[in-house]
Amino acid sequence: MWRRRADFWPLLLVPLLLSGTDAAPPVAAPSQLIVPAAGSYTLPVIQPGPRGVVFDGDARDVPLERYTTGRVTLLNFMYTYCSDPVGCPALFSALHDLRARLLATPALAHGVQFVSISFDPVNDTPEAMKSYGGALALPSQPLRWHFLTSRSVWQLQPILDELGQSTSVQLDNQGKPTRLYYHQVKLFLLDRQGRVREIYSPAFLQPELIYRDIQTLLLESQ
């Protein structure tokens, strides 16, 4: 029987985290976070997986479903030049930690993929995303990490809307758009069918928690 996460630990009230703002830092997760054993709980389907078209590293239009099905997927949105320490860098720090844990068990790593999609298709071209991903994006990696962009904001926006991922361009003192983005930091966990099973806010970007959730989805598919 599925039990809400509130049954395992108190829910935290987390302020909206906006990259590039002067908002207060996120509330830290409890240091004594109680993580249930993998497979001892279930993660309900929150919503169907997102659909749309993305631009891959070879500048080809590809259905997003190619990168969100077949394996358990961690999907996030970012932009390469984000420097807010509680924004994209904090998210990527958690992902790097999680990647190391998964690679320690190759059988798990092969069943998982990471997908990072840029908010900024103008500056984050396929070449820029490939450069940003570096060795992490190589097909030879035991855990695939796809760094994607889109042909235009028009092409990207339906994907953001479907997932409830808000973002807006920051304006300067004259009201002109800058290259900086306000955005909520979210990490989406998708099952092999591409359905959203969990959405992590900044306070729950805990590698051990996400690791157990991944294990739970892999056990479920077996």
N, C-alpha and C. Protein backbone atom coordinates (compact mmCIF):
# COMPACT_ATOMS: atom_id res chain seq x y z
N MET A 1 0.85 -1.19 0.00
CA MET A 1 0.00 0.00 0.00
C MET A 1 0.88 1.23 0.00
N TRP A 2 0.56 2.15 -0.91
CA TRP A 2 1.38 3.36 -1.00
C TRP A 2 1.07 4.30 0.16
N ARG A 3 2.11 4.84 0.71
CA ARG A 3 1.96 5.82 1.78
C ARG A 3 2.64 7.10 1.35
N ARG A 4 2.00 8.22 1.61
CA ARG A 4 2.58 9.50 1.23
C ARG A 4 3.91 9.71 1.94
N ARG A 5 4.76 10.51 1.30
CA ARG A 5 6.05 10.80 1.92
C ARG A 5 5.88 11.44 3.29
N ALA A 6 4.77 12.11 3.49
CA ALA A 6 4.52 12.73 4.80
C ALA A 6 4.43 11.68 5.90
N ASP A 7 4.13 10.43 5.51
CA ASP A 7 4.08 9.37 6.51
C ASP A 7 5.48 8.93 6.94
N PHE A 8 6.48 9.27 6.12
CA PHE A 8 7.85 8.87 6.42
C PHE A 8 8.62 9.99 7.12
N TRP A 9 8.33 11.25 6.75
CA TRP A 9 9.01 12.37 7.38
C TRP A 9 8.14 13.62 7.23
N PRO A 10 8.33 14.59 8.09
CA PRO A 10 7.51 15.81 7.99
C PRO A 10 7.79 16.52 6.67
N LEU A 11 6.73 17.05 6.07
CA LEU A 11 6.92 17.85 4.87
C LEU A 11 7.55 19.18 5.25
N LEU A 12 8.36 19.70 4.33
CA LEU A 12 9.01 20.98 4.57
C LEU A 12 8.30 22.05 3.78
N LEU A 13 8.22 23.22 4.35
CA LEU A 13 7.71 24.37 3.63
C LEU A 13 8.90 25.05 2.98
N VAL A 14 8.95 24.98 1.66
CA VAL A 14 10.13 25.46 0.93
C VAL A 14 9.77 26.70 0.15
N PRO A 15 10.49 27.80 0.35
CA PRO A 15 10.20 29.00 -0.43
C PRO A 15 10.54 28.76 -1.89
N LEU A 16 9.85 29.45 -2.77
CA LEU A 16 10.11 29.33 -4.19
C LEU A 16 11.54 29.76 -4.47
N LEU A 17 12.26 28.89 -5.15
CA LEU A 17 13.65 29.15 -5.46
C LEU A 17 13.75 29.70 -6.87
N LEU A 18 14.17 30.93 -6.99
CA LEU A 18 14.27 31.56 -8.29
C LEU A 18 15.72 31.87 -8.59
N SER A 19 16.22 31.32 -9.67
CA SER A 19 17.60 31.56 -10.06
C SER A 19 17.76 33.01 -10.46
N GLY A 20 18.82 33.64 -9.96
CA GLY A 20 19.11 35.01 -10.33
C GLY A 20 18.39 36.03 -9.48
N THR A 21 17.72 35.64 -8.41
CA THR A 21 17.02 36.59 -7.57
C THR A 21 17.72 36.68 -6.23
N ASP A 22 17.22 37.58 -5.39
CA ASP A 22 17.76 37.74 -4.04
C ASP A 22 16.92 36.98 -3.04
N ALA A 23 16.18 35.98 -3.51
CA ALA A 23 15.33 35.21 -2.60
C ALA A 23 16.18 34.51 -1.55
N ALA A 24 15.55 34.23 -0.42
CA ALA A 24 16.26 33.54 0.65
C ALA A 24 16.69 32.17 0.19
N PRO A 25 17.79 31.65 0.73
CA PRO A 25 18.25 30.32 0.33
C PRO A 25 17.22 29.27 0.72
N PRO A 26 17.23 28.13 0.02
CA PRO A 26 16.22 27.11 0.30
C PRO A 26 16.37 26.54 1.70
N VAL A 27 15.26 26.08 2.23
CA VAL A 27 15.28 25.44 3.54
C VAL A 27 16.01 24.11 3.40
N ALA A 28 16.94 23.85 4.27
CA ALA A 28 17.70 22.61 4.18
C ALA A 28 16.84 21.43 4.60
N ALA A 29 17.06 20.31 3.96
CA ALA A 29 16.34 19.10 4.35
C ALA A 29 16.87 18.63 5.69
N PRO A 30 16.06 17.91 6.44
CA PRO A 30 16.50 17.45 7.76
C PRO A 30 17.75 16.60 7.65
N SER A 31 18.69 16.80 8.53
CA SER A 31 19.94 16.04 8.50
C SER A 31 19.69 14.57 8.80
N GLN A 32 18.62 14.27 9.55
CA GLN A 32 18.28 12.89 9.89
C GLN A 32 17.10 12.42 9.03
N LEU A 33 17.20 12.63 7.74
CA LEU A 33 16.15 12.24 6.82
C LEU A 33 15.98 10.72 6.83
N ILE A 34 14.79 10.26 7.10
CA ILE A 34 14.51 8.83 7.14
C ILE A 34 14.06 8.38 5.76
N VAL A 35 14.89 7.59 5.09
CA VAL A 35 14.58 7.14 3.74
C VAL A 35 14.12 5.68 3.81
N PRO A 36 12.92 5.39 3.37
CA PRO A 36 12.43 4.01 3.43
C PRO A 36 13.21 3.10 2.48
N ALA A 37 13.18 1.82 2.73
CA ALA A 37 13.89 0.87 1.90
C ALA A 37 13.27 0.82 0.51
N ALA A 38 14.13 0.67 -0.50
CA ALA A 38 13.64 0.58 -1.87
C ALA A 38 12.68 -0.59 -2.01
N GLY A 39 11.57 -0.33 -2.69
CA GLY A 39 10.59 -1.37 -2.91
C GLY A 39 9.57 -1.53 -1.79
N SER A 40 9.79 -0.83 -0.66
CA SER A 40 8.84 -0.93 0.45
C SER A 40 7.69 0.06 0.31
N TYR A 41 7.70 0.85 -0.74
CA TYR A 41 6.65 1.84 -1.00
C TYR A 41 6.49 1.94 -2.51
N THR A 42 5.46 2.61 -2.93
CA THR A 42 5.25 2.84 -4.36
C THR A 42 5.17 4.34 -4.63
N LEU A 43 5.52 4.72 -5.83
CA LEU A 43 5.41 6.10 -6.28
C LEU A 43 4.26 6.19 -7.27
N PRO A 44 3.20 6.92 -6.95
CA PRO A 44 2.06 7.00 -7.86
C PRO A 44 2.42 7.77 -9.13
N VAL A 45 1.66 7.52 -10.18
CA VAL A 45 1.84 8.28 -11.42
C VAL A 45 1.26 9.67 -11.19
N ILE A 46 2.10 10.69 -11.31
CA ILE A 46 1.65 12.06 -11.10
C ILE A 46 0.97 12.61 -12.34
N GLN A 47 1.57 12.33 -13.50
CA GLN A 47 1.02 12.82 -14.76
C GLN A 47 1.70 12.09 -15.91
N PRO A 48 1.10 12.13 -17.10
CA PRO A 48 1.76 11.53 -18.26
C PRO A 48 3.08 12.26 -18.55
N GLY A 49 3.94 11.61 -19.28
CA GLY A 49 5.21 12.23 -19.63
C GLY A 49 5.05 13.35 -20.63
N PRO A 50 6.00 14.27 -20.66
CA PRO A 50 5.92 15.39 -21.59
C PRO A 50 6.15 14.93 -23.03
N ARG A 51 5.52 15.63 -23.96
CA ARG A 51 5.72 15.37 -25.37
C ARG A 51 6.21 16.63 -26.04
N GLY A 52 6.92 16.47 -27.12
CA GLY A 52 7.45 17.62 -27.83
C GLY A 52 8.63 17.21 -28.67
N VAL A 53 9.32 18.21 -29.18
CA VAL A 53 10.48 18.00 -30.03
C VAL A 53 11.66 18.76 -29.46
N VAL A 54 12.82 18.11 -29.42
CA VAL A 54 14.04 18.75 -28.93
C VAL A 54 15.11 18.68 -30.01
N PHE A 55 16.17 19.44 -29.78
CA PHE A 55 17.32 19.51 -30.67
C PHE A 55 18.44 18.71 -30.02
N ASP A 56 18.96 17.68 -30.69
CA ASP A 56 20.01 16.90 -30.08
C ASP A 56 21.39 17.49 -30.38
N GLY A 57 22.44 16.80 -29.96
CA GLY A 57 23.80 17.32 -30.11
C GLY A 57 24.26 17.44 -31.55
N ASP A 58 23.53 16.79 -32.46
CA ASP A 58 23.86 16.89 -33.88
C ASP A 58 22.90 17.80 -34.62
N ALA A 59 22.20 18.63 -33.87
CA ALA A 59 21.27 19.62 -34.43
C ALA A 59 20.17 18.96 -35.25
N ARG A 60 19.63 17.89 -34.72
CA ARG A 60 18.51 17.21 -35.36
C ARG A 60 17.27 17.32 -34.48
N ASP A 61 16.12 17.51 -35.11
CA ASP A 61 14.87 17.50 -34.37
C ASP A 61 14.54 16.06 -34.01
N VAL A 62 14.34 15.82 -32.71
CA VAL A 62 14.10 14.47 -32.21
C VAL A 62 12.91 14.51 -31.24
N PRO A 63 12.01 13.55 -31.32
CA PRO A 63 10.91 13.51 -30.34
C PRO A 63 11.47 13.37 -28.93
N LEU A 64 10.96 14.17 -28.01
CA LEU A 64 11.44 14.12 -26.63
C LEU A 64 11.28 12.73 -26.04
N GLU A 65 10.26 11.99 -26.45
CA GLU A 65 10.01 10.67 -25.90
C GLU A 65 11.20 9.72 -26.09
N ARG A 66 12.03 9.98 -27.08
CA ARG A 66 13.20 9.14 -27.28
C ARG A 66 14.13 9.20 -26.07
N TYR A 67 14.09 10.31 -25.35
CA TYR A 67 14.99 10.49 -24.21
C TYR A 67 14.28 10.34 -22.87
N THR A 68 13.00 10.02 -22.88
CA THR A 68 12.26 9.92 -21.62
C THR A 68 11.60 8.57 -21.44
N THR A 69 11.89 7.62 -22.31
CA THR A 69 11.31 6.29 -22.20
C THR A 69 12.40 5.23 -22.32
N GLY A 70 12.07 4.03 -21.92
CA GLY A 70 13.02 2.92 -22.04
C GLY A 70 13.89 2.71 -20.82
N ARG A 71 14.16 3.78 -20.11
CA ARG A 71 14.94 3.74 -18.87
C ARG A 71 14.29 4.65 -17.84
N VAL A 72 14.63 4.47 -16.60
CA VAL A 72 14.22 5.43 -15.58
C VAL A 72 14.99 6.72 -15.86
N THR A 73 14.29 7.83 -15.89
CA THR A 73 14.88 9.09 -16.36
C THR A 73 14.79 10.18 -15.29
N LEU A 74 15.88 10.91 -15.12
CA LEU A 74 15.88 12.14 -14.33
C LEU A 74 15.99 13.30 -15.30
N LEU A 75 14.95 14.12 -15.33
CA LEU A 75 14.85 15.22 -16.28
C LEU A 75 14.92 16.55 -15.56
N ASN A 76 15.75 17.45 -16.06
CA ASN A 76 15.81 18.80 -15.49
C ASN A 76 15.96 19.83 -16.59
N PHE A 77 15.65 21.07 -16.23
CA PHE A 77 15.82 22.20 -17.14
C PHE A 77 16.86 23.14 -16.55
N MET A 78 17.69 23.73 -17.40
CA MET A 78 18.82 24.52 -16.93
C MET A 78 19.28 25.46 -18.05
N TYR A 79 20.28 26.25 -17.77
CA TYR A 79 20.98 26.93 -18.86
C TYR A 79 22.46 27.00 -18.50
N THR A 80 23.32 26.93 -19.49
CA THR A 80 24.73 26.64 -19.27
C THR A 80 25.47 27.69 -18.47
N TYR A 81 25.04 28.94 -18.52
CA TYR A 81 25.78 30.00 -17.85
C TYR A 81 25.13 30.44 -16.54
N CYS A 82 24.20 29.64 -16.02
CA CYS A 82 23.60 29.94 -14.72
C CYS A 82 24.67 29.85 -13.64
N SER A 83 24.81 30.89 -12.85
CA SER A 83 25.84 30.92 -11.81
C SER A 83 25.27 31.06 -10.41
N ASP A 84 23.95 31.05 -10.28
CA ASP A 84 23.33 31.14 -8.96
C ASP A 84 23.69 29.89 -8.16
N PRO A 85 24.38 30.02 -7.03
CA PRO A 85 24.82 28.83 -6.29
C PRO A 85 23.69 27.95 -5.80
N VAL A 86 22.46 28.48 -5.66
CA VAL A 86 21.34 27.65 -5.24
C VAL A 86 20.42 27.34 -6.43
N GLY A 87 20.93 27.58 -7.64
CA GLY A 87 20.18 27.28 -8.85
C GLY A 87 20.73 26.04 -9.53
N CYS A 88 21.07 26.20 -10.81
CA CYS A 88 21.57 25.07 -11.60
C CYS A 88 22.81 24.41 -10.99
N PRO A 89 23.79 25.16 -10.48
CA PRO A 89 24.96 24.50 -9.89
C PRO A 89 24.61 23.56 -8.74
N ALA A 90 23.65 23.94 -7.89
CA ALA A 90 23.25 23.06 -6.78
C ALA A 90 22.58 21.80 -7.31
N LEU A 91 21.77 21.95 -8.33
CA LEU A 91 21.10 20.79 -8.93
C LEU A 91 22.13 19.84 -9.54
N PHE A 92 23.10 20.39 -10.26
CA PHE A 92 24.10 19.54 -10.89
C PHE A 92 25.02 18.88 -9.87
N SER A 93 25.25 19.53 -8.76
CA SER A 93 26.03 18.91 -7.70
C SER A 93 25.33 17.65 -7.19
N ALA A 94 24.01 17.75 -6.99
CA ALA A 94 23.24 16.59 -6.54
C ALA A 94 23.25 15.49 -7.59
N LEU A 95 23.15 15.87 -8.87
CA LEU A 95 23.15 14.88 -9.94
C LEU A 95 24.51 14.17 -10.06
N HIS A 96 25.59 14.91 -9.88
CA HIS A 96 26.91 14.30 -9.94
C HIS A 96 27.09 13.30 -8.79
N ASP A 97 26.62 13.66 -7.60
CA ASP A 97 26.69 12.75 -6.47
C ASP A 97 25.87 11.49 -6.75
N LEU A 98 24.68 11.68 -7.27
CA LEU A 98 23.81 10.56 -7.58
C LEU A 98 24.42 9.68 -8.67
N ARG A 99 25.02 10.30 -9.66
CA ARG A 99 25.66 9.55 -10.75
C ARG A 99 26.76 8.64 -10.19
N ALA A 100 27.56 9.16 -9.26
CA ALA A 100 28.63 8.35 -8.68
C ALA A 100 28.06 7.14 -7.94
N ARG A 101 26.94 7.34 -7.23
CA ARG A 101 26.32 6.23 -6.52
C ARG A 101 25.81 5.17 -7.49
N LEU A 102 25.19 5.61 -8.57
CA LEU A 102 24.65 4.67 -9.55
C LEU A 102 25.77 3.90 -10.26
N LEU A 103 26.85 4.58 -10.59
CA LEU A 103 27.95 3.93 -11.29
C LEU A 103 28.62 2.86 -10.43
N ALA A 104 28.47 2.97 -9.12
CA ALA A 104 29.03 1.94 -8.24
C ALA A 104 28.29 0.62 -8.38
N THR A 105 27.10 0.67 -8.97
CA THR A 105 26.33 -0.54 -9.26
C THR A 105 25.96 -0.51 -10.74
N PRO A 106 26.82 -1.04 -11.61
CA PRO A 106 26.61 -0.93 -13.06
C PRO A 106 25.24 -1.38 -13.53
N ALA A 107 24.69 -2.41 -12.91
CA ALA A 107 23.37 -2.88 -13.33
C ALA A 107 22.31 -1.80 -13.16
N LEU A 108 22.44 -0.98 -12.13
CA LEU A 108 21.52 0.14 -11.94
C LEU A 108 21.79 1.24 -12.95
N ALA A 109 23.06 1.56 -13.13
CA ALA A 109 23.44 2.66 -14.02
C ALA A 109 22.92 2.44 -15.44
N HIS A 110 22.94 1.21 -15.91
CA HIS A 110 22.48 0.93 -17.27
C HIS A 110 20.97 1.08 -17.42
N GLY A 111 20.26 1.10 -16.32
CA GLY A 111 18.81 1.24 -16.39
C GLY A 111 18.33 2.66 -16.18
N VAL A 112 19.28 3.61 -16.12
CA VAL A 112 18.95 5.00 -15.79
C VAL A 112 19.56 5.93 -16.84
N GLN A 113 18.92 7.06 -17.06
CA GLN A 113 19.50 8.11 -17.90
C GLN A 113 19.16 9.48 -17.32
N PHE A 114 20.05 10.43 -17.53
CA PHE A 114 19.83 11.82 -17.14
C PHE A 114 19.57 12.62 -18.41
N VAL A 115 18.66 13.59 -18.31
CA VAL A 115 18.35 14.46 -19.44
C VAL A 115 18.32 15.90 -18.95
N SER A 116 19.15 16.75 -19.52
CA SER A 116 19.19 18.17 -19.17
C SER A 116 18.84 18.98 -20.42
N ILE A 117 17.81 19.81 -20.31
CA ILE A 117 17.33 20.61 -21.44
C ILE A 117 17.49 22.09 -21.10
N SER A 118 18.03 22.84 -22.04
CA SER A 118 18.27 24.26 -21.79
C SER A 118 17.00 25.09 -21.92
N PHE A 119 16.89 26.10 -21.04
CA PHE A 119 15.84 27.11 -21.15
C PHE A 119 16.11 28.06 -22.31
N ASP A 120 17.37 28.16 -22.74
CA ASP A 120 17.81 29.24 -23.62
C ASP A 120 18.29 28.69 -24.97
N PRO A 121 17.37 28.43 -25.90
CA PRO A 121 17.79 27.88 -27.19
C PRO A 121 18.58 28.87 -28.04
N VAL A 122 18.52 30.15 -27.72
CA VAL A 122 19.26 31.14 -28.52
C VAL A 122 20.75 31.02 -28.26
N ASN A 123 21.14 31.00 -27.00
CA ASN A 123 22.56 30.93 -26.65
C ASN A 123 23.06 29.50 -26.46
N ASP A 124 22.20 28.63 -25.96
CA ASP A 124 22.60 27.24 -25.74
C ASP A 124 22.28 26.42 -26.98
N THR A 125 23.13 26.56 -27.99
CA THR A 125 22.98 25.82 -29.23
C THR A 125 23.35 24.35 -29.01
N PRO A 126 23.07 23.48 -29.96
CA PRO A 126 23.50 22.08 -29.81
C PRO A 126 25.00 21.96 -29.56
N GLU A 127 25.79 22.79 -30.22
CA GLU A 127 27.24 22.76 -30.02
C GLU A 127 27.60 23.18 -28.60
N ALA A 128 26.92 24.23 -28.10
CA ALA A 128 27.19 24.71 -26.74
C ALA A 128 26.81 23.65 -25.71
N MET A 129 25.70 22.96 -25.94
CA MET A 129 25.27 21.92 -25.00
C MET A 129 26.21 20.73 -25.03
N LYS A 130 26.68 20.38 -26.21
CA LYS A 130 27.63 19.27 -26.32
C LYS A 130 28.93 19.61 -25.60
N SER A 131 29.38 20.86 -25.75
CA SER A 131 30.59 21.30 -25.07
C SER A 131 30.39 21.32 -23.56
N TYR A 132 29.21 21.76 -23.12
CA TYR A 132 28.91 21.83 -21.69
C TYR A 132 28.90 20.43 -21.08
N GLY A 133 28.31 19.49 -21.78
CA GLY A 133 28.25 18.12 -21.27
C GLY A 133 29.60 17.44 -21.26
N GLY A 134 30.43 17.75 -22.25
CA GLY A 134 31.77 17.17 -22.31
C GLY A 134 31.74 15.65 -22.30
N ALA A 135 32.62 15.06 -21.52
CA ALA A 135 32.74 13.61 -21.47
C ALA A 135 31.48 12.95 -20.90
N LEU A 136 30.72 13.68 -20.08
CA LEU A 136 29.50 13.11 -19.50
C LEU A 136 28.49 12.73 -20.57
N ALA A 137 28.54 13.43 -21.72
CA ALA A 137 27.55 13.23 -22.76
C ALA A 137 27.95 12.17 -23.78
N LEU A 138 29.12 11.57 -23.64
CA LEU A 138 29.59 10.59 -24.62
C LEU A 138 28.71 9.34 -24.60
N PRO A 139 28.37 8.81 -25.77
CA PRO A 139 27.55 7.59 -25.83
C PRO A 139 28.19 6.39 -25.14
N SER A 140 29.50 6.42 -24.98
CA SER A 140 30.19 5.30 -24.36
C SER A 140 30.05 5.26 -22.84
N GLN A 141 29.49 6.30 -22.26
CA GLN A 141 29.32 6.34 -20.81
C GLN A 141 28.33 5.27 -20.35
N PRO A 142 28.62 4.58 -19.25
CA PRO A 142 27.69 3.55 -18.77
C PRO A 142 26.36 4.12 -18.29
N LEU A 143 26.35 5.39 -17.89
CA LEU A 143 25.11 6.08 -17.55
C LEU A 143 24.97 7.24 -18.53
N ARG A 144 24.00 7.13 -19.42
CA ARG A 144 23.83 8.16 -20.44
C ARG A 144 23.31 9.45 -19.84
N TRP A 145 23.91 10.57 -20.25
CA TRP A 145 23.46 11.90 -19.84
C TRP A 145 23.31 12.72 -21.11
N HIS A 146 22.07 13.04 -21.45
CA HIS A 146 21.78 13.76 -22.68
C HIS A 146 21.64 15.26 -22.37
N PHE A 147 22.37 16.07 -23.11
CA PHE A 147 22.30 17.53 -22.98
C PHE A 147 21.64 18.07 -24.23
N LEU A 148 20.41 18.56 -24.08
CA LEU A 148 19.58 18.91 -25.22
C LEU A 148 19.17 20.37 -25.19
N THR A 149 18.77 20.87 -26.33
CA THR A 149 18.21 22.21 -26.42
C THR A 149 16.99 22.12 -27.35
N SER A 150 16.55 23.24 -27.88
CA SER A 150 15.42 23.23 -28.79
C SER A 150 15.69 24.22 -29.92
N ARG A 151 14.90 24.12 -30.94
CA ARG A 151 15.09 25.00 -32.09
C ARG A 151 14.70 26.44 -31.77
N SER A 152 13.74 26.60 -30.85
CA SER A 152 13.23 27.92 -30.52
C SER A 152 12.49 27.86 -29.19
N VAL A 153 12.25 29.03 -28.62
CA VAL A 153 11.42 29.12 -27.41
C VAL A 153 10.02 28.61 -27.70
N TRP A 154 9.54 28.89 -28.88
CA TRP A 154 8.20 28.44 -29.29
C TRP A 154 8.11 26.92 -29.24
N GLN A 155 9.17 26.24 -29.64
CA GLN A 155 9.20 24.78 -29.62
C GLN A 155 9.33 24.23 -28.20
N LEU A 156 10.04 24.95 -27.35
CA LEU A 156 10.28 24.51 -25.98
C LEU A 156 9.09 24.75 -25.06
N GLN A 157 8.38 25.84 -25.25
CA GLN A 157 7.37 26.28 -24.28
C GLN A 157 6.30 25.24 -23.98
N PRO A 158 5.77 24.49 -24.96
CA PRO A 158 4.76 23.48 -24.62
C PRO A 158 5.28 22.41 -23.66
N ILE A 159 6.55 22.07 -23.76
CA ILE A 159 7.14 21.08 -22.85
C ILE A 159 7.17 21.63 -21.43
N LEU A 160 7.59 22.89 -21.30
CA LEU A 160 7.63 23.53 -19.99
C LEU A 160 6.22 23.64 -19.39
N ASP A 161 5.27 24.04 -20.23
CA ASP A 161 3.90 24.19 -19.75
C ASP A 161 3.32 22.86 -19.28
N GLU A 162 3.61 21.80 -20.02
CA GLU A 162 3.06 20.49 -19.68
C GLU A 162 3.57 20.00 -18.33
N LEU A 163 4.80 20.37 -18.00
CA LEU A 163 5.41 19.94 -16.74
C LEU A 163 5.23 20.97 -15.62
N GLY A 164 4.64 22.10 -15.92
CA GLY A 164 4.49 23.13 -14.91
C GLY A 164 5.81 23.74 -14.49
N GLN A 165 6.75 23.80 -15.42
CA GLN A 165 8.07 24.37 -15.14
C GLN A 165 8.08 25.84 -15.55
N SER A 166 7.94 26.72 -14.59
CA SER A 166 7.85 28.14 -14.89
C SER A 166 9.24 28.74 -15.11
N THR A 167 9.30 29.71 -15.99
CA THR A 167 10.54 30.42 -16.27
C THR A 167 10.22 31.76 -16.93
N SER A 168 11.06 32.73 -16.73
CA SER A 168 10.90 34.01 -17.40
C SER A 168 12.26 34.68 -17.50
N VAL A 169 12.41 35.54 -18.48
CA VAL A 169 13.67 36.25 -18.69
C VAL A 169 13.75 37.44 -17.75
N GLN A 170 14.88 37.60 -17.10
CA GLN A 170 15.09 38.72 -16.19
C GLN A 170 15.33 40.00 -16.99
N LEU A 171 14.73 41.10 -16.55
CA LEU A 171 14.88 42.38 -17.23
C LEU A 171 15.91 43.25 -16.50
N ASP A 172 16.58 44.13 -17.26
CA ASP A 172 17.53 45.04 -16.65
C ASP A 172 16.82 46.28 -16.15
N ASN A 173 17.57 47.27 -15.68
CA ASN A 173 16.97 48.48 -15.12
C ASN A 173 16.18 49.29 -16.14
N GLN A 174 16.48 49.09 -17.40
CA GLN A 174 15.76 49.80 -18.47
C GLN A 174 14.60 48.98 -19.02
N GLY A 175 14.36 47.83 -18.41
CA GLY A 175 13.26 46.99 -18.86
C GLY A 175 13.57 46.13 -20.06
N LYS A 176 14.84 46.04 -20.40
CA LYS A 176 15.24 45.22 -21.54
C LYS A 176 15.61 43.81 -21.07
N PRO A 177 15.30 42.80 -21.86
CA PRO A 177 15.62 41.42 -21.45
C PRO A 177 17.12 41.18 -21.39
N THR A 178 17.53 40.45 -20.38
CA THR A 178 18.94 40.07 -20.25
C THR A 178 19.08 38.59 -20.63
N ARG A 179 20.25 38.02 -20.40
CA ARG A 179 20.46 36.60 -20.66
C ARG A 179 20.14 35.75 -19.43
N LEU A 180 19.77 36.38 -18.33
CA LEU A 180 19.50 35.63 -17.11
C LEU A 180 18.04 35.20 -17.04
N TYR A 181 17.82 34.09 -16.34
CA TYR A 181 16.47 33.53 -16.25
C TYR A 181 16.05 33.36 -14.80
N TYR A 182 14.78 33.72 -14.54
CA TYR A 182 14.15 33.30 -13.31
C TYR A 182 13.58 31.91 -13.57
N HIS A 183 13.82 30.97 -12.69
CA HIS A 183 13.20 29.67 -12.89
C HIS A 183 13.14 28.89 -11.58
N GLN A 184 12.13 28.05 -11.50
CA GLN A 184 12.02 27.14 -10.37
C GLN A 184 12.99 25.98 -10.58
N VAL A 185 13.66 25.59 -9.52
CA VAL A 185 14.54 24.43 -9.60
C VAL A 185 13.70 23.19 -9.31
N LYS A 186 13.58 22.33 -10.32
CA LYS A 186 12.81 21.10 -10.19
C LYS A 186 13.59 19.96 -10.85
N LEU A 187 13.41 18.78 -10.32
CA LEU A 187 13.97 17.57 -10.90
C LEU A 187 12.84 16.56 -11.03
N PHE A 188 12.61 16.07 -12.24
CA PHE A 188 11.50 15.17 -12.53
C PHE A 188 12.01 13.74 -12.65
N LEU A 189 11.36 12.82 -11.96
CA LEU A 189 11.67 11.40 -12.06
C LEU A 189 10.61 10.73 -12.92
N LEU A 190 11.02 10.09 -14.00
CA LEU A 190 10.12 9.43 -14.92
C LEU A 190 10.41 7.94 -14.95
N ASP A 191 9.36 7.14 -15.08
CA ASP A 191 9.55 5.70 -15.17
C ASP A 191 9.89 5.29 -16.60
N ARG A 192 10.01 3.99 -16.85
CA ARG A 192 10.40 3.50 -18.17
C ARG A 192 9.38 3.87 -19.25
N GLN A 193 8.13 4.06 -18.85
CA GLN A 193 7.09 4.45 -19.80
C GLN A 193 7.06 5.96 -20.03
N GLY A 194 7.93 6.69 -19.34
CA GLY A 194 7.99 8.13 -19.51
C GLY A 194 6.99 8.91 -18.68
N ARG A 195 6.38 8.26 -17.69
CA ARG A 195 5.41 8.93 -16.84
C ARG A 195 6.10 9.58 -15.65
N VAL A 196 5.63 10.75 -15.25
CA VAL A 196 6.22 11.45 -14.11
C VAL A 196 5.78 10.77 -12.82
N ARG A 197 6.76 10.34 -12.01
CA ARG A 197 6.47 9.62 -10.78
C ARG A 197 6.87 10.39 -9.53
N GLU A 198 7.74 11.39 -9.68
CA GLU A 198 8.15 12.22 -8.54
C GLU A 198 8.71 13.53 -9.07
N ILE A 199 8.51 14.59 -8.31
CA ILE A 199 9.08 15.90 -8.63
C ILE A 199 9.79 16.40 -7.38
N TYR A 200 11.10 16.62 -7.48
CA TYR A 200 11.90 17.01 -6.32
C TYR A 200 12.09 18.52 -6.30
N SER A 201 11.76 19.12 -5.18
CA SER A 201 12.04 20.53 -4.94
C SER A 201 13.46 20.63 -4.38
N PRO A 202 14.01 21.84 -4.25
CA PRO A 202 15.39 21.98 -3.75
C PRO A 202 15.64 21.29 -2.41
N ALA A 203 14.67 21.32 -1.51
CA ALA A 203 14.88 20.72 -0.20
C ALA A 203 15.00 19.21 -0.25
N PHE A 204 14.50 18.60 -1.33
CA PHE A 204 14.53 17.14 -1.43
C PHE A 204 15.50 16.65 -2.51
N LEU A 205 16.46 17.49 -2.86
CA LEU A 205 17.52 17.06 -3.78
C LEU A 205 18.56 16.28 -2.99
N GLN A 206 18.10 15.20 -2.39
CA GLN A 206 18.94 14.35 -1.56
C GLN A 206 19.30 13.10 -2.36
N PRO A 207 20.58 12.93 -2.73
CA PRO A 207 20.96 11.78 -3.56
C PRO A 207 20.49 10.43 -3.03
N GLU A 208 20.54 10.22 -1.70
CA GLU A 208 20.12 8.94 -1.15
C GLU A 208 18.63 8.71 -1.37
N LEU A 209 17.83 9.74 -1.19
CA LEU A 209 16.40 9.65 -1.41
C LEU A 209 16.09 9.33 -2.87
N ILE A 210 16.71 10.08 -3.78
CA ILE A 210 16.46 9.87 -5.21
C ILE A 210 16.95 8.49 -5.64
N TYR A 211 18.08 8.06 -5.08
CA TYR A 211 18.63 6.74 -5.38
C TYR A 211 17.63 5.65 -5.01
N ARG A 212 17.00 5.76 -3.83
CA ARG A 212 16.03 4.76 -3.41
C ARG A 212 14.79 4.79 -4.31
N ASP A 213 14.38 5.98 -4.72
CA ASP A 213 13.23 6.08 -5.61
C ASP A 213 13.53 5.43 -6.97
N ILE A 214 14.74 5.62 -7.47
CA ILE A 214 15.14 4.98 -8.72
C ILE A 214 15.11 3.46 -8.57
N GLN A 215 15.69 2.97 -7.47
CA GLN A 215 15.66 1.53 -7.21
C GLN A 215 14.22 1.01 -7.16
N THR A 216 13.34 1.76 -6.52
CA THR A 216 11.95 1.35 -6.40
C THR A 216 11.28 1.22 -7.77
N LEU A 217 11.54 2.17 -8.67
CA LEU A 217 10.96 2.09 -10.01
C LEU A 217 11.55 0.95 -10.81
N LEU A 218 12.85 0.67 -10.65
CA LEU A 218 13.46 -0.44 -11.35
C LEU A 218 12.92 -1.78 -10.84
N LEU A 219 12.72 -1.88 -9.54
CA LEU A 219 12.13 -3.10 -8.98
C LEU A 219 10.70 -3.28 -9.48
N GLU A 220 9.98 -2.19 -9.58
CA GLU A 220 8.60 -2.23 -10.05
C GLU A 220 8.51 -2.78 -11.47
N SER A 221 9.45 -2.37 -12.32
CA SER A 221 9.42 -2.80 -13.71
C SER A 221 9.79 -4.27 -13.85
N GLN A 222 10.45 -4.82 -12.85
CA GLN A 222 10.78 -6.24 -12.88
C GLN A 222 9.59 -7.10 -12.51
